[in-house]
Amino acid sequence: MKKLFILSIMVAGIFYHTNATDLRGQILHNSASGSEPAASVRVDLLIWDRGQWVNWSYAITGQDGFYYFVNIQPGATFCVQVNGKFYPANAVVVQTKAPHDYQDIPRIAT
């Protein structure tokens, strides 16, 4: 019985990760010469849970301005917060994507 319980937990864990998707976005900084990738910017991922926004995780942009959140469950409603502002204007629902495909978040210009 104990082995069956452990096996069911393992199978549930595999199912959980195969349905998860990854989110990707980019932060740009507007300057006189145009838009440039913004490096080292903190991006908070907020998930709507039980009637409130929960700070789920955060990422720091790379030199290319990109940030990533991995293994997010489809169906979750989310937005990101950058420098105290929320993006996109309307919350988004995580979509199911094929393995190694990203759900792209619209670029954010600061």
N, C-alpha and C. Protein backbone atom coordinates (compact mmCIF):
# COMPACT_ATOMS: atom_id res chain seq x y z
N MET A 1 0.83 -1.19 0.00
CA MET A 1 0.00 0.00 0.00
C MET A 1 0.88 1.25 0.00
N LYS A 2 1.94 1.23 0.79
CA LYS A 2 2.84 2.37 0.86
C LYS A 2 3.50 2.62 -0.49
N LYS A 3 3.90 1.54 -1.19
CA LYS A 3 4.52 1.69 -2.50
C LYS A 3 3.54 2.28 -3.51
N LEU A 4 2.29 1.88 -3.44
CA LEU A 4 1.27 2.42 -4.34
C LEU A 4 1.08 3.91 -4.11
N PHE A 5 1.09 4.32 -2.87
CA PHE A 5 0.94 5.74 -2.53
C PHE A 5 2.12 6.54 -3.10
N ILE A 6 3.33 6.04 -2.91
CA ILE A 6 4.51 6.74 -3.41
C ILE A 6 4.48 6.81 -4.93
N LEU A 7 4.09 5.73 -5.58
CA LEU A 7 4.00 5.71 -7.04
C LEU A 7 2.97 6.73 -7.53
N SER A 8 1.83 6.83 -6.86
CA SER A 8 0.80 7.79 -7.29
C SER A 8 1.30 9.23 -7.13
N ILE A 9 2.08 9.51 -6.10
CA ILE A 9 2.67 10.85 -5.91
C ILE A 9 3.65 11.15 -7.04
N MET A 10 4.46 10.18 -7.41
CA MET A 10 5.43 10.37 -8.49
C MET A 10 4.72 10.64 -9.82
N VAL A 11 3.69 9.89 -10.11
CA VAL A 11 2.95 10.07 -11.36
C VAL A 11 2.28 11.44 -11.37
N ALA A 12 1.72 11.85 -10.25
CA ALA A 12 1.09 13.18 -10.17
C ALA A 12 2.14 14.26 -10.40
N GLY A 13 3.33 14.09 -9.88
CA GLY A 13 4.41 15.06 -10.09
C GLY A 13 4.82 15.16 -11.54
N ILE A 14 4.90 14.04 -12.23
CA ILE A 14 5.23 14.04 -13.65
C ILE A 14 4.13 14.73 -14.45
N PHE A 15 2.87 14.44 -14.15
CA PHE A 15 1.75 15.07 -14.83
C PHE A 15 1.76 16.58 -14.60
N TYR A 16 2.06 17.00 -13.39
CA TYR A 16 2.10 18.41 -13.04
C TYR A 16 3.10 19.15 -13.92
N HIS A 17 4.30 18.60 -14.07
CA HIS A 17 5.33 19.29 -14.83
C HIS A 17 5.11 19.22 -16.33
N THR A 18 4.49 18.17 -16.84
CA THR A 18 4.26 18.10 -18.27
C THR A 18 3.17 19.07 -18.71
N ASN A 19 2.28 19.45 -17.84
CA ASN A 19 1.25 20.42 -18.20
C ASN A 19 1.72 21.86 -17.98
N ALA A 20 2.77 22.04 -17.23
CA ALA A 20 3.26 23.38 -16.92
C ALA A 20 3.83 24.03 -18.18
N THR A 21 3.84 25.35 -18.19
CA THR A 21 4.40 26.09 -19.32
C THR A 21 5.35 27.14 -18.79
N ASP A 22 6.07 27.78 -19.68
CA ASP A 22 7.04 28.80 -19.31
C ASP A 22 6.59 30.14 -19.88
N LEU A 23 6.85 31.19 -19.12
CA LEU A 23 6.52 32.55 -19.55
C LEU A 23 7.82 33.29 -19.89
N ARG A 24 7.74 34.17 -20.89
CA ARG A 24 8.92 34.93 -21.29
C ARG A 24 8.49 36.34 -21.65
N GLY A 25 9.31 37.31 -21.27
CA GLY A 25 9.04 38.70 -21.62
C GLY A 25 10.33 39.48 -21.75
N GLN A 26 10.21 40.72 -22.19
CA GLN A 26 11.39 41.56 -22.35
C GLN A 26 11.07 42.97 -21.87
N ILE A 27 12.04 43.56 -21.18
CA ILE A 27 11.93 44.95 -20.71
C ILE A 27 12.84 45.80 -21.58
N LEU A 28 12.29 46.89 -22.11
CA LEU A 28 13.06 47.83 -22.91
C LEU A 28 13.10 49.17 -22.20
N HIS A 29 14.22 49.87 -22.35
CA HIS A 29 14.36 51.21 -21.78
C HIS A 29 14.34 52.20 -22.94
N ASN A 30 13.41 53.16 -22.86
CA ASN A 30 13.33 54.19 -23.89
C ASN A 30 14.38 55.26 -23.63
N SER A 31 15.12 55.59 -24.67
CA SER A 31 16.13 56.64 -24.56
C SER A 31 16.04 57.53 -25.80
N ALA A 32 16.85 58.56 -25.84
CA ALA A 32 16.84 59.48 -26.98
C ALA A 32 17.22 58.76 -28.27
N SER A 33 18.03 57.71 -28.17
CA SER A 33 18.46 56.98 -29.36
C SER A 33 17.52 55.82 -29.72
N GLY A 34 16.46 55.64 -28.96
CA GLY A 34 15.49 54.57 -29.22
C GLY A 34 15.37 53.62 -28.05
N SER A 35 14.77 52.47 -28.29
CA SER A 35 14.58 51.47 -27.24
C SER A 35 15.79 50.54 -27.16
N GLU A 36 16.24 50.28 -25.94
CA GLU A 36 17.36 49.38 -25.71
C GLU A 36 16.96 48.38 -24.63
N PRO A 37 17.50 47.15 -24.68
CA PRO A 37 17.20 46.17 -23.63
C PRO A 37 17.62 46.71 -22.26
N ALA A 38 16.76 46.47 -21.28
CA ALA A 38 17.04 46.92 -19.91
C ALA A 38 17.53 45.73 -19.10
N ALA A 39 18.79 45.74 -18.70
CA ALA A 39 19.39 44.65 -17.94
C ALA A 39 19.24 44.89 -16.44
N SER A 40 19.22 43.80 -15.69
CA SER A 40 19.20 43.82 -14.22
C SER A 40 17.97 44.49 -13.62
N VAL A 41 16.82 44.31 -14.27
CA VAL A 41 15.56 44.85 -13.78
C VAL A 41 14.79 43.72 -13.11
N ARG A 42 14.26 43.98 -11.91
CA ARG A 42 13.45 42.98 -11.22
C ARG A 42 12.03 42.97 -11.79
N VAL A 43 11.54 41.76 -12.06
CA VAL A 43 10.18 41.57 -12.58
C VAL A 43 9.48 40.59 -11.64
N ASP A 44 8.38 41.02 -11.02
CA ASP A 44 7.63 40.16 -10.11
C ASP A 44 6.46 39.54 -10.85
N LEU A 45 6.26 38.23 -10.63
CA LEU A 45 5.12 37.51 -11.20
C LEU A 45 4.05 37.43 -10.13
N LEU A 46 2.87 37.97 -10.44
CA LEU A 46 1.74 37.92 -9.51
C LEU A 46 0.67 37.00 -10.08
N ILE A 47 0.19 36.08 -9.25
CA ILE A 47 -0.85 35.12 -9.62
C ILE A 47 -2.11 35.44 -8.82
N TRP A 48 -3.26 35.44 -9.49
CA TRP A 48 -4.55 35.65 -8.83
C TRP A 48 -4.93 34.36 -8.13
N ASP A 49 -5.06 34.41 -6.79
CA ASP A 49 -5.35 33.21 -6.02
C ASP A 49 -6.31 33.55 -4.89
N ARG A 50 -7.49 32.94 -4.92
CA ARG A 50 -8.49 33.09 -3.86
C ARG A 50 -8.84 34.56 -3.57
N GLY A 51 -9.07 35.30 -4.64
CA GLY A 51 -9.54 36.67 -4.50
C GLY A 51 -8.48 37.71 -4.22
N GLN A 52 -7.19 37.35 -4.39
CA GLN A 52 -6.14 38.35 -4.18
C GLN A 52 -4.92 38.03 -5.04
N TRP A 53 -4.10 39.06 -5.29
CA TRP A 53 -2.86 38.87 -6.03
C TRP A 53 -1.79 38.38 -5.07
N VAL A 54 -1.10 37.33 -5.47
CA VAL A 54 -0.04 36.74 -4.66
C VAL A 54 1.27 36.88 -5.43
N ASN A 55 2.30 37.42 -4.78
CA ASN A 55 3.61 37.52 -5.41
C ASN A 55 4.20 36.12 -5.47
N TRP A 56 4.16 35.51 -6.64
CA TRP A 56 4.50 34.12 -6.83
C TRP A 56 6.01 33.90 -6.93
N SER A 57 6.67 34.79 -7.68
CA SER A 57 8.10 34.63 -7.94
C SER A 57 8.63 35.94 -8.51
N TYR A 58 9.93 36.00 -8.69
CA TYR A 58 10.50 37.15 -9.39
C TYR A 58 11.66 36.69 -10.25
N ALA A 59 12.01 37.51 -11.22
CA ALA A 59 13.14 37.24 -12.11
C ALA A 59 13.89 38.55 -12.31
N ILE A 60 15.14 38.43 -12.70
CA ILE A 60 15.97 39.59 -13.04
C ILE A 60 16.29 39.49 -14.52
N THR A 61 16.10 40.61 -15.26
CA THR A 61 16.37 40.58 -16.69
C THR A 61 17.86 40.40 -16.96
N GLY A 62 18.12 39.71 -18.07
CA GLY A 62 19.50 39.52 -18.53
C GLY A 62 19.95 40.72 -19.35
N GLN A 63 21.14 40.62 -19.91
CA GLN A 63 21.69 41.70 -20.74
C GLN A 63 20.81 42.01 -21.94
N ASP A 64 20.05 41.01 -22.39
CA ASP A 64 19.15 41.20 -23.53
C ASP A 64 17.78 41.72 -23.13
N GLY A 65 17.59 41.98 -21.83
CA GLY A 65 16.32 42.50 -21.33
C GLY A 65 15.25 41.44 -21.11
N PHE A 66 15.56 40.17 -21.40
CA PHE A 66 14.58 39.10 -21.26
C PHE A 66 14.54 38.57 -19.82
N TYR A 67 13.35 38.13 -19.43
CA TYR A 67 13.14 37.45 -18.16
C TYR A 67 12.27 36.23 -18.41
N TYR A 68 12.37 35.25 -17.52
CA TYR A 68 11.68 33.97 -17.70
C TYR A 68 11.08 33.49 -16.39
N PHE A 69 9.91 32.87 -16.47
CA PHE A 69 9.30 32.16 -15.35
C PHE A 69 8.98 30.76 -15.88
N VAL A 70 9.40 29.74 -15.17
CA VAL A 70 9.23 28.37 -15.66
C VAL A 70 8.26 27.58 -14.79
N ASN A 71 7.66 26.56 -15.40
CA ASN A 71 6.75 25.63 -14.74
C ASN A 71 5.55 26.31 -14.09
N ILE A 72 4.86 27.12 -14.86
CA ILE A 72 3.65 27.79 -14.39
C ILE A 72 2.45 27.00 -14.92
N GLN A 73 1.50 26.74 -14.05
CA GLN A 73 0.34 25.92 -14.42
C GLN A 73 -0.61 26.66 -15.35
N PRO A 74 -1.05 26.00 -16.45
CA PRO A 74 -2.05 26.59 -17.33
C PRO A 74 -3.33 26.90 -16.57
N GLY A 75 -3.99 27.97 -16.98
CA GLY A 75 -5.23 28.37 -16.34
C GLY A 75 -5.05 29.41 -15.26
N ALA A 76 -3.82 29.61 -14.80
CA ALA A 76 -3.56 30.62 -13.77
C ALA A 76 -3.67 32.01 -14.39
N THR A 77 -4.30 32.93 -13.68
CA THR A 77 -4.40 34.32 -14.12
C THR A 77 -3.20 35.06 -13.52
N PHE A 78 -2.49 35.82 -14.37
CA PHE A 78 -1.27 36.46 -13.89
C PHE A 78 -1.08 37.84 -14.49
N CYS A 79 -0.18 38.58 -13.89
CA CYS A 79 0.36 39.81 -14.44
C CYS A 79 1.77 39.95 -13.88
N VAL A 80 2.54 40.88 -14.40
CA VAL A 80 3.87 41.13 -13.87
C VAL A 80 3.93 42.56 -13.36
N GLN A 81 4.84 42.78 -12.42
CA GLN A 81 5.03 44.10 -11.84
C GLN A 81 6.48 44.52 -12.07
N VAL A 82 6.64 45.73 -12.63
CA VAL A 82 7.96 46.29 -12.88
C VAL A 82 7.97 47.71 -12.37
N ASN A 83 8.89 48.02 -11.49
CA ASN A 83 9.00 49.37 -10.93
C ASN A 83 7.67 49.90 -10.39
N GLY A 84 6.91 49.02 -9.73
CA GLY A 84 5.66 49.43 -9.11
C GLY A 84 4.47 49.51 -10.05
N LYS A 85 4.64 49.22 -11.33
CA LYS A 85 3.55 49.25 -12.30
C LYS A 85 3.21 47.83 -12.74
N PHE A 86 1.93 47.60 -13.06
CA PHE A 86 1.46 46.28 -13.45
C PHE A 86 1.29 46.19 -14.96
N TYR A 87 1.70 45.06 -15.53
CA TYR A 87 1.62 44.81 -16.96
C TYR A 87 1.13 43.39 -17.18
N PRO A 88 0.43 43.11 -18.26
CA PRO A 88 -0.25 44.06 -19.15
C PRO A 88 -1.40 44.74 -18.42
N ALA A 89 -2.06 45.65 -19.12
CA ALA A 89 -3.14 46.42 -18.50
C ALA A 89 -4.24 45.50 -17.97
N ASN A 90 -4.53 44.43 -18.70
CA ASN A 90 -5.51 43.43 -18.26
C ASN A 90 -4.76 42.13 -17.95
N ALA A 91 -5.15 41.48 -16.88
CA ALA A 91 -4.50 40.23 -16.50
C ALA A 91 -4.61 39.20 -17.62
N VAL A 92 -3.67 38.27 -17.65
CA VAL A 92 -3.59 37.26 -18.71
C VAL A 92 -3.71 35.88 -18.08
N VAL A 93 -4.23 34.92 -18.84
CA VAL A 93 -4.34 33.54 -18.37
C VAL A 93 -3.22 32.72 -19.00
N VAL A 94 -2.55 31.91 -18.20
CA VAL A 94 -1.48 31.04 -18.70
C VAL A 94 -2.09 30.02 -19.65
N GLN A 95 -1.52 29.91 -20.85
CA GLN A 95 -1.98 28.98 -21.87
C GLN A 95 -1.15 27.70 -21.82
N THR A 96 -1.70 26.61 -22.32
CA THR A 96 -0.95 25.37 -22.45
C THR A 96 -0.07 25.48 -23.68
N LYS A 97 1.21 25.21 -23.51
CA LYS A 97 2.16 25.26 -24.62
C LYS A 97 2.88 23.93 -24.72
N ALA A 98 3.40 23.64 -25.90
CA ALA A 98 4.19 22.43 -26.10
C ALA A 98 5.48 22.55 -25.28
N PRO A 99 6.09 21.44 -24.93
CA PRO A 99 7.35 21.51 -24.19
C PRO A 99 8.36 22.42 -24.89
N HIS A 100 9.02 23.22 -24.14
CA HIS A 100 10.07 24.14 -24.59
C HIS A 100 9.54 25.31 -25.40
N ASP A 101 8.23 25.52 -25.41
CA ASP A 101 7.65 26.71 -26.03
C ASP A 101 7.31 27.69 -24.91
N TYR A 102 7.45 28.97 -25.20
CA TYR A 102 7.14 29.99 -24.22
C TYR A 102 5.83 30.68 -24.55
N GLN A 103 5.14 31.11 -23.51
CA GLN A 103 4.03 32.03 -23.71
C GLN A 103 4.65 33.41 -23.55
N ASP A 104 4.65 34.18 -24.62
CA ASP A 104 5.28 35.48 -24.58
C ASP A 104 4.39 36.53 -23.95
N ILE A 105 4.96 37.31 -23.07
CA ILE A 105 4.31 38.46 -22.45
C ILE A 105 4.70 39.66 -23.29
N PRO A 106 3.76 40.55 -23.62
CA PRO A 106 4.12 41.72 -24.45
C PRO A 106 5.29 42.49 -23.85
N ARG A 107 6.12 43.03 -24.74
CA ARG A 107 7.28 43.83 -24.30
C ARG A 107 6.82 45.00 -23.44
N ILE A 108 7.65 45.34 -22.49
CA ILE A 108 7.37 46.46 -21.60
C ILE A 108 8.44 47.51 -21.81
N ALA A 109 8.02 48.73 -22.11
CA ALA A 109 8.95 49.84 -22.29
C ALA A 109 8.86 50.75 -21.07
N THR A 110 10.02 51.03 -20.48
CA THR A 110 10.05 51.89 -19.28
C THR A 110 10.70 53.22 -19.61
